N, C-alpha and C. Protein backbone atom coordinates (compact mmCIF):
# COMPACT_ATOMS: atom_id res chain seq x y z
N MET A 1 103.34 116.87 69.15
CA MET A 1 102.29 116.88 69.42
C MET A 1 102.00 115.74 70.85
N LYS A 2 101.85 114.77 69.98
CA LYS A 2 101.83 113.28 70.75
C LYS A 2 102.85 113.41 72.08
N LYS A 3 104.13 113.35 71.45
CA LYS A 3 105.28 113.53 72.26
C LYS A 3 105.04 114.58 73.70
N ALA A 4 104.44 115.49 73.36
CA ALA A 4 104.33 116.34 74.65
C ALA A 4 103.02 116.27 75.34
N ILE A 5 102.29 115.42 74.86
CA ILE A 5 101.30 114.87 75.95
C ILE A 5 101.69 113.85 76.37
N LEU A 6 102.35 112.91 75.59
CA LEU A 6 103.16 111.67 76.92
C LEU A 6 103.74 112.36 77.78
N THR A 7 105.09 113.08 77.36
CA THR A 7 106.01 113.73 78.46
C THR A 7 105.21 114.27 79.83
N PHE A 8 104.02 115.18 79.21
CA PHE A 8 103.38 115.72 80.27
C PHE A 8 102.68 114.43 81.19
N GLY A 9 102.09 113.52 80.65
CA GLY A 9 101.20 112.44 81.55
C GLY A 9 102.32 111.57 81.94
N MET A 10 103.56 111.23 81.68
CA MET A 10 104.70 110.50 82.61
C MET A 10 105.01 111.55 83.74
N MET A 11 105.15 113.13 83.43
CA MET A 11 105.74 114.01 84.56
C MET A 11 104.33 113.87 85.56
N LEU A 12 103.16 113.96 85.28
CA LEU A 12 101.94 114.10 86.11
C LEU A 12 101.89 112.64 86.96
N LEU A 13 102.09 111.52 86.20
CA LEU A 13 102.20 110.20 86.96
C LEU A 13 103.53 110.41 87.96
N ALA A 14 104.68 110.57 87.84
CA ALA A 14 105.59 110.40 88.51
C ALA A 14 105.41 111.66 89.67
N VAL A 15 104.89 112.82 89.45
CA VAL A 15 104.44 113.43 90.92
C VAL A 15 103.62 113.29 91.54
N MET A 16 102.59 112.71 91.14
CA MET A 16 101.36 111.61 91.68
C MET A 16 102.33 110.53 92.73
N THR A 17 102.86 109.96 91.87
CA THR A 17 103.76 108.45 92.67
C THR A 17 104.49 109.10 94.08
N PHE A 18 105.18 110.42 93.61
CA PHE A 18 106.25 110.89 94.66
C PHE A 18 104.99 111.33 96.07
N ASN A 19 104.12 111.88 95.57
CA ASN A 19 103.19 112.69 96.49
C ASN A 19 102.86 111.44 97.46
N VAL A 20 102.37 110.22 96.82
CA VAL A 20 101.70 109.58 97.55
C VAL A 20 102.66 108.79 98.38
N SER A 21 103.97 108.62 97.86
CA SER A 21 105.06 108.05 98.67
C SER A 21 105.62 109.03 99.55
N ALA A 22 105.23 110.36 99.68
CA ALA A 22 105.52 110.96 100.74
C ALA A 22 104.58 111.12 101.86
N GLN A 23 103.44 110.85 101.73
CA GLN A 23 102.44 110.90 102.45
C GLN A 23 102.23 109.48 103.45
N ALA A 24 103.30 108.59 102.76
CA ALA A 24 103.37 107.06 103.55
C ALA A 24 104.41 107.16 104.64
N THR A 25 105.18 108.21 104.83
CA THR A 25 106.64 108.27 105.49
C THR A 25 105.96 109.50 106.69
N ALA A 26 106.76 109.21 107.92
CA ALA A 26 106.25 110.08 108.93
C ALA A 26 107.33 111.31 108.70
N PRO A 27 106.54 112.86 108.73
CA PRO A 27 107.70 113.70 108.60
C PRO A 27 109.05 113.29 109.30
N GLY A 28 110.32 113.73 109.00
CA GLY A 28 111.25 113.76 109.38
C GLY A 28 112.02 112.56 109.90
N GLU A 29 110.89 111.26 109.32
CA GLU A 29 111.78 109.93 109.24
C GLU A 29 111.80 109.34 107.82
N LYS A 30 112.57 109.81 107.26
CA LYS A 30 112.80 109.06 105.95
C LYS A 30 112.67 107.59 105.88
N GLY A 31 111.58 107.13 105.28
CA GLY A 31 111.67 105.67 104.79
C GLY A 31 110.82 105.04 106.11
N ARG A 32 110.58 105.57 106.99
CA ARG A 32 109.67 104.83 108.07
C ARG A 32 108.11 104.99 107.82
N ALA A 33 107.57 103.98 107.47
CA ALA A 33 106.07 104.32 107.49
C ALA A 33 105.40 104.50 108.44
N ILE A 34 104.54 105.25 108.74
CA ILE A 34 103.36 105.71 109.62
C ILE A 34 102.28 104.25 109.69
N ALA A 35 101.99 103.91 111.15
CA ALA A 35 100.64 103.15 110.87
C ALA A 35 99.36 104.19 110.82
N LEU A 36 98.98 103.43 109.83
CA LEU A 36 97.38 103.93 109.27
C LEU A 36 96.31 103.27 110.13
N GLY A 37 96.63 102.69 111.17
CA GLY A 37 95.37 102.15 111.64
C GLY A 37 94.69 100.87 111.09
N GLY A 38 94.05 100.48 111.67
CA GLY A 38 93.02 99.39 111.23
C GLY A 38 92.88 98.52 112.30
N ALA A 39 92.51 96.98 111.80
CA ALA A 39 92.48 95.73 113.25
C ALA A 39 93.61 95.15 112.98
N GLU A 40 93.83 94.65 114.21
CA GLU A 40 95.07 93.49 114.58
C GLU A 40 94.50 92.61 115.13
N ILE A 41 94.79 91.19 114.81
CA ILE A 41 94.38 90.30 116.04
C ILE A 41 95.64 89.63 116.54
N SER A 42 95.96 89.71 117.79
CA SER A 42 96.99 89.03 118.51
C SER A 42 96.70 87.98 119.73
N PHE A 43 97.26 86.94 119.46
CA PHE A 43 96.89 85.66 120.02
C PHE A 43 97.66 85.37 121.52
N GLU A 44 96.74 84.70 122.46
CA GLU A 44 97.92 85.12 123.93
C GLU A 44 98.54 83.79 123.48
N LYS A 45 98.21 82.81 122.63
CA LYS A 45 99.20 81.88 122.32
C LYS A 45 98.94 81.43 121.06
N GLU A 46 99.78 80.95 120.37
CA GLU A 46 100.07 80.59 118.96
C GLU A 46 99.59 79.15 118.68
N VAL A 47 100.09 78.45 119.48
CA VAL A 47 100.36 76.64 119.74
C VAL A 47 99.75 76.22 121.07
N HIS A 48 98.89 75.27 120.79
CA HIS A 48 98.07 74.69 122.08
C HIS A 48 98.97 73.03 121.57
N ASP A 49 99.36 72.87 123.08
CA ASP A 49 99.86 71.49 122.89
C ASP A 49 99.23 70.34 123.94
N TYR A 50 98.67 69.59 123.26
CA TYR A 50 97.76 68.50 124.14
C TYR A 50 98.46 67.54 125.05
N GLY A 51 99.87 67.38 124.44
CA GLY A 51 100.64 66.55 125.17
C GLY A 51 100.45 65.24 124.80
N VAL A 52 100.33 64.21 125.76
CA VAL A 52 99.80 62.60 125.21
C VAL A 52 98.67 62.70 126.00
N MET A 53 97.81 61.99 124.82
CA MET A 53 96.04 61.80 125.35
C MET A 53 96.02 60.30 124.86
N GLU A 54 94.77 59.95 125.53
CA GLU A 54 94.12 58.74 125.03
C GLU A 54 93.48 58.55 123.85
N GLN A 55 93.14 57.80 123.08
CA GLN A 55 92.12 57.55 121.91
C GLN A 55 90.71 58.09 122.11
N ASN A 56 90.20 59.01 121.62
CA ASN A 56 88.68 59.51 121.84
C ASN A 56 88.74 60.31 122.93
N ALA A 57 89.75 60.60 123.47
CA ALA A 57 89.67 61.63 124.71
C ALA A 57 89.24 63.33 124.09
N ASN A 58 89.23 63.87 124.80
CA ASN A 58 88.51 65.27 124.34
C ASN A 58 89.44 65.99 123.53
N GLY A 59 89.31 66.59 122.53
CA GLY A 59 90.05 67.50 121.32
C GLY A 59 90.00 68.66 121.23
N GLN A 60 89.24 69.17 122.06
CA GLN A 60 88.83 70.83 122.14
C GLN A 60 89.81 71.86 122.72
N CYS A 61 90.11 72.80 122.31
CA CYS A 61 91.08 73.96 123.07
C CYS A 61 90.57 75.14 122.24
N GLU A 62 90.87 76.11 122.75
CA GLU A 62 91.25 77.62 122.75
C GLU A 62 92.03 78.50 122.48
N PHE A 63 91.88 79.17 121.22
CA PHE A 63 92.72 80.40 121.27
C PHE A 63 92.27 81.55 121.09
N VAL A 64 92.53 82.48 122.47
CA VAL A 64 92.00 83.43 122.95
C VAL A 64 92.67 84.78 122.04
N PHE A 65 92.22 85.66 121.52
CA PHE A 65 92.62 86.26 120.87
C PHE A 65 92.13 88.08 121.18
N THR A 66 93.12 89.23 121.16
CA THR A 66 92.46 90.07 121.25
C THR A 66 92.51 91.26 119.70
N ASN A 67 91.85 92.34 119.69
CA ASN A 67 91.62 93.15 118.48
C ASN A 67 92.50 94.38 119.25
N THR A 68 94.01 93.99 119.03
CA THR A 68 95.02 95.38 119.30
C THR A 68 94.91 96.33 118.37
N GLY A 69 94.07 96.69 117.36
CA GLY A 69 93.87 97.51 116.23
C GLY A 69 93.46 98.38 116.73
N THR A 70 92.85 99.54 115.55
CA THR A 70 92.07 100.79 115.94
C THR A 70 90.59 100.89 115.37
N GLU A 71 90.50 99.35 114.48
CA GLU A 71 89.17 99.39 113.86
C GLU A 71 88.57 98.10 114.43
N PRO A 72 87.14 97.89 114.19
CA PRO A 72 86.86 96.29 114.14
C PRO A 72 87.17 95.36 113.28
N LEU A 73 87.39 94.08 114.14
CA LEU A 73 88.07 93.06 113.54
C LEU A 73 87.28 92.22 113.15
N LEU A 74 87.07 91.62 111.87
CA LEU A 74 86.32 90.63 111.18
C LEU A 74 87.04 89.50 111.00
N ILE A 75 86.78 88.21 111.30
CA ILE A 75 87.44 87.04 110.99
C ILE A 75 86.35 86.39 109.83
N THR A 76 86.86 86.43 108.44
CA THR A 76 86.38 86.06 107.32
C THR A 76 86.08 84.42 107.29
N ASN A 77 87.42 83.78 107.74
CA ASN A 77 87.56 82.67 107.60
C ASN A 77 88.62 81.78 108.46
N ALA A 78 88.54 80.58 109.02
CA ALA A 78 88.99 79.82 109.85
C ALA A 78 89.26 78.68 109.26
N ARG A 79 90.62 77.78 108.61
CA ARG A 79 90.31 76.49 107.84
C ARG A 79 91.34 75.89 108.53
N GLY A 80 90.88 74.28 108.81
CA GLY A 80 91.98 73.44 109.55
C GLY A 80 92.70 73.21 108.18
N SER A 81 93.98 72.57 108.67
CA SER A 81 94.81 71.57 107.77
C SER A 81 94.30 70.68 107.18
N CYS A 82 93.36 69.77 107.70
CA CYS A 82 92.73 68.82 107.43
C CYS A 82 91.23 68.48 107.74
N GLY A 83 90.48 67.31 107.77
CA GLY A 83 89.16 67.30 108.06
C GLY A 83 89.23 67.13 109.43
N CYS A 84 90.17 66.66 110.11
CA CYS A 84 90.41 66.18 111.39
C CYS A 84 90.32 67.06 112.46
N THR A 85 90.64 68.73 112.09
CA THR A 85 90.95 69.85 112.48
C THR A 85 89.49 70.85 112.13
N VAL A 86 88.75 71.01 113.26
CA VAL A 86 87.62 71.82 112.89
C VAL A 86 87.66 72.89 113.34
N PRO A 87 87.91 74.07 113.06
CA PRO A 87 87.90 75.55 114.03
C PRO A 87 86.39 76.19 113.93
N GLU A 88 85.76 76.84 115.30
CA GLU A 88 85.08 77.39 115.04
C GLU A 88 85.30 79.02 115.69
N TRP A 89 84.99 80.03 115.21
CA TRP A 89 85.28 81.18 115.21
C TRP A 89 84.04 82.37 115.28
N PRO A 90 84.33 83.32 115.84
CA PRO A 90 83.24 84.34 116.00
C PRO A 90 83.03 85.07 114.79
N ARG A 91 81.77 85.10 114.18
CA ARG A 91 80.98 86.00 113.04
C ARG A 91 80.90 87.21 113.14
N GLU A 92 80.58 87.77 114.28
CA GLU A 92 80.55 89.19 114.42
C GLU A 92 82.13 89.85 114.46
N PRO A 93 81.85 91.59 114.21
CA PRO A 93 82.76 92.26 114.33
C PRO A 93 83.52 92.21 115.81
N ILE A 94 85.02 92.11 116.10
CA ILE A 94 85.19 92.05 117.37
C ILE A 94 86.00 93.51 117.71
N ALA A 95 85.61 94.53 118.80
CA ALA A 95 86.02 95.99 118.73
C ALA A 95 87.20 95.78 118.90
N PRO A 96 87.53 97.17 118.63
CA PRO A 96 89.11 97.63 119.18
C PRO A 96 89.31 97.28 120.87
N GLY A 97 90.05 96.31 120.97
CA GLY A 97 90.53 96.26 122.65
C GLY A 97 89.73 95.08 123.29
N ALA A 98 88.70 94.18 122.56
CA ALA A 98 87.97 93.39 122.82
C ALA A 98 88.49 92.18 122.69
N SER A 99 88.07 91.25 123.48
CA SER A 99 88.92 89.70 123.13
C SER A 99 87.56 89.07 123.01
N SER A 100 88.01 87.43 121.75
CA SER A 100 86.99 86.39 121.93
C SER A 100 88.04 85.45 121.70
N ALA A 101 87.43 84.04 121.15
CA ALA A 101 88.29 82.93 121.09
C ALA A 101 88.19 82.30 119.80
N ILE A 102 88.69 81.36 119.21
CA ILE A 102 88.51 80.31 118.27
C ILE A 102 88.71 78.98 118.86
N LYS A 103 87.52 78.50 118.65
CA LYS A 103 87.66 76.82 119.35
C LYS A 103 88.12 76.10 118.21
N VAL A 104 88.85 75.23 118.93
CA VAL A 104 89.31 74.40 117.89
C VAL A 104 89.16 72.80 118.37
N LYS A 105 88.85 71.93 117.63
CA LYS A 105 88.10 70.43 117.76
C LYS A 105 89.00 69.83 117.15
N TYR A 106 90.03 68.64 117.59
CA TYR A 106 90.53 67.81 116.80
C TYR A 106 89.81 66.28 117.32
N ASP A 107 89.97 65.45 116.04
CA ASP A 107 89.16 64.26 116.06
C ASP A 107 90.23 63.10 116.93
N THR A 108 90.29 62.62 118.02
CA THR A 108 91.12 61.85 118.69
C THR A 108 91.12 60.75 118.52
N LYS A 109 90.23 60.33 117.72
CA LYS A 109 90.19 58.74 117.38
C LYS A 109 91.12 58.22 116.37
N ARG A 110 92.14 59.09 115.80
CA ARG A 110 93.43 58.48 115.32
C ARG A 110 94.41 58.66 115.92
N ILE A 111 95.52 57.35 116.03
CA ILE A 111 96.50 57.44 117.23
C ILE A 111 97.44 57.91 116.16
N GLY A 112 98.29 58.81 117.05
CA GLY A 112 99.62 59.11 116.41
C GLY A 112 100.01 60.35 116.72
N LEU A 113 101.17 60.89 116.16
CA LEU A 113 101.34 62.52 116.56
C LEU A 113 100.52 63.25 115.81
N ILE A 114 100.27 64.40 116.36
CA ILE A 114 99.23 65.41 116.03
C ILE A 114 100.24 66.41 115.71
N ASN A 115 100.34 67.23 114.55
CA ASN A 115 100.83 68.40 114.45
C ASN A 115 100.02 69.00 113.03
N LYS A 116 99.06 69.93 113.33
CA LYS A 116 98.10 70.72 112.68
C LYS A 116 97.78 71.90 112.63
N SER A 117 97.35 72.67 111.73
CA SER A 117 97.05 73.89 111.59
C SER A 117 95.84 74.66 111.16
N VAL A 118 95.69 75.54 111.81
CA VAL A 118 94.17 76.15 111.50
C VAL A 118 94.75 77.62 110.77
N THR A 119 94.36 77.87 109.88
CA THR A 119 94.89 79.28 108.81
C THR A 119 93.57 80.18 109.24
N ILE A 120 93.75 81.13 109.73
CA ILE A 120 92.84 82.73 109.99
C ILE A 120 92.97 83.52 109.32
N THR A 121 91.76 83.77 108.47
CA THR A 121 91.65 85.16 107.76
C THR A 121 90.83 86.28 108.04
N SER A 122 91.49 87.26 108.13
CA SER A 122 90.57 88.53 108.54
C SER A 122 91.01 89.87 107.87
N ASN A 123 90.09 90.96 108.33
CA ASN A 123 90.51 92.33 107.88
C ASN A 123 91.82 92.78 108.62
N GLY A 124 92.64 92.07 109.41
CA GLY A 124 93.55 92.72 110.30
C GLY A 124 94.81 93.23 109.15
N GLU A 125 95.39 93.74 109.86
CA GLU A 125 96.48 94.37 109.17
C GLU A 125 97.74 93.26 108.49
N THR A 126 97.44 92.14 109.52
CA THR A 126 97.92 90.68 109.24
C THR A 126 97.19 90.10 108.56
N SER A 127 96.45 89.78 107.31
CA SER A 127 95.27 89.33 106.86
C SER A 127 95.25 87.63 107.14
N THR A 128 96.40 86.95 107.41
CA THR A 128 96.38 85.58 107.28
C THR A 128 97.33 85.44 108.75
N LYS A 129 96.63 84.65 109.59
CA LYS A 129 97.71 84.12 110.73
C LYS A 129 97.55 82.40 110.93
N ILE A 130 98.50 81.92 111.06
CA ILE A 130 98.34 80.66 111.46
C ILE A 130 98.62 80.18 112.85
N ILE A 131 97.69 79.35 113.47
CA ILE A 131 97.43 78.62 114.82
C ILE A 131 97.61 77.46 114.55
N ARG A 132 98.22 76.82 115.66
CA ARG A 132 98.60 75.01 115.24
C ARG A 132 98.20 74.41 116.91
N ILE A 133 98.08 72.98 116.38
CA ILE A 133 97.93 72.18 117.93
C ILE A 133 99.02 71.11 117.53
N LYS A 134 99.17 70.65 118.35
CA LYS A 134 100.10 69.75 118.71
C LYS A 134 100.00 68.65 119.55
N GLY A 135 100.81 67.36 119.59
CA GLY A 135 100.61 66.32 120.40
C GLY A 135 100.72 65.17 120.13
N GLU A 136 100.16 63.92 120.98
CA GLU A 136 100.05 62.75 120.63
C GLU A 136 98.88 62.01 121.04
N ILE A 137 98.36 60.92 120.65
CA ILE A 137 97.31 60.10 120.84
C ILE A 137 97.78 58.92 121.09
N LYS A 138 97.71 58.15 122.01
CA LYS A 138 97.97 56.84 122.34
C LYS A 138 96.79 56.17 122.43
N ALA A 139 96.68 54.42 122.24
CA ALA A 139 95.82 53.37 122.34
C ALA A 139 95.71 53.59 123.74
N PRO A 140 94.43 53.25 124.06
CA PRO A 140 94.05 52.93 125.65
C PRO A 140 94.79 52.00 126.19
N ALA A 141 95.30 52.19 127.65
CA ALA A 141 95.96 50.76 128.07
C ALA A 141 95.16 49.72 128.04
N ALA A 142 96.03 48.38 128.16
CA ALA A 142 95.05 47.32 127.82
C ALA A 142 94.32 46.82 129.05
N GLY A 143 93.23 46.70 129.07
CA GLY A 143 92.04 46.42 130.19
C GLY A 143 91.49 47.30 130.71
N ALA A 144 92.22 48.68 130.11
CA ALA A 144 91.32 50.19 130.70
C ALA A 144 90.01 50.24 129.80
N THR A 145 88.90 50.96 130.46
CA THR A 145 87.79 51.29 129.65
C THR A 145 88.04 52.54 128.84
N PRO A 146 87.40 52.19 127.26
CA PRO A 146 87.75 53.07 126.69
C PRO A 146 87.03 54.56 126.77
N ILE A 147 87.60 55.65 126.67
CA ILE A 147 86.93 57.37 127.00
C ILE A 147 85.99 57.42 125.64
N LYS A 148 84.61 57.74 126.16
CA LYS A 148 83.84 58.12 124.89
C LYS A 148 84.00 59.63 124.66
N PRO A 149 84.15 59.83 123.11
CA PRO A 149 84.26 61.18 122.91
C PRO A 149 83.38 62.07 123.52
N VAL A 150 83.93 63.50 123.86
CA VAL A 150 82.94 64.80 124.05
C VAL A 150 82.41 65.44 122.90
N ASP A 151 81.02 65.59 123.22
CA ASP A 151 80.58 66.38 121.84
C ASP A 151 80.46 67.37 122.20
């Protein structure tokens, strides 16, 4: 009796698995998954190049994005790769087809090359996306008046 119940349970599990897998592919297109809809974040650019900047210059930039999905997009977190890279993101849902921006501020008091990232977490089909900033910070030329940072 136990073997019969176990066999019946395994058969039922196999049928359910086959049914779910059959629903995930388009009719007549074996193995190709159908898009089930959802939010999707698409950036105009994924890398911002500051070029060469003087120390204490304005280190702000924007990454414009669009929700190219079919559901509202909600960004749940944006985290810089270090404390010198601070992102600011919209907290409200972004409707399908709507655009917004993630602002990134880099602390330009450090001299040297910049190669930092911001990790974006959302409810999108691609739940994690990485955007980058790069450039170089140079010391002010001798005799030049230092630039004050913009808040």
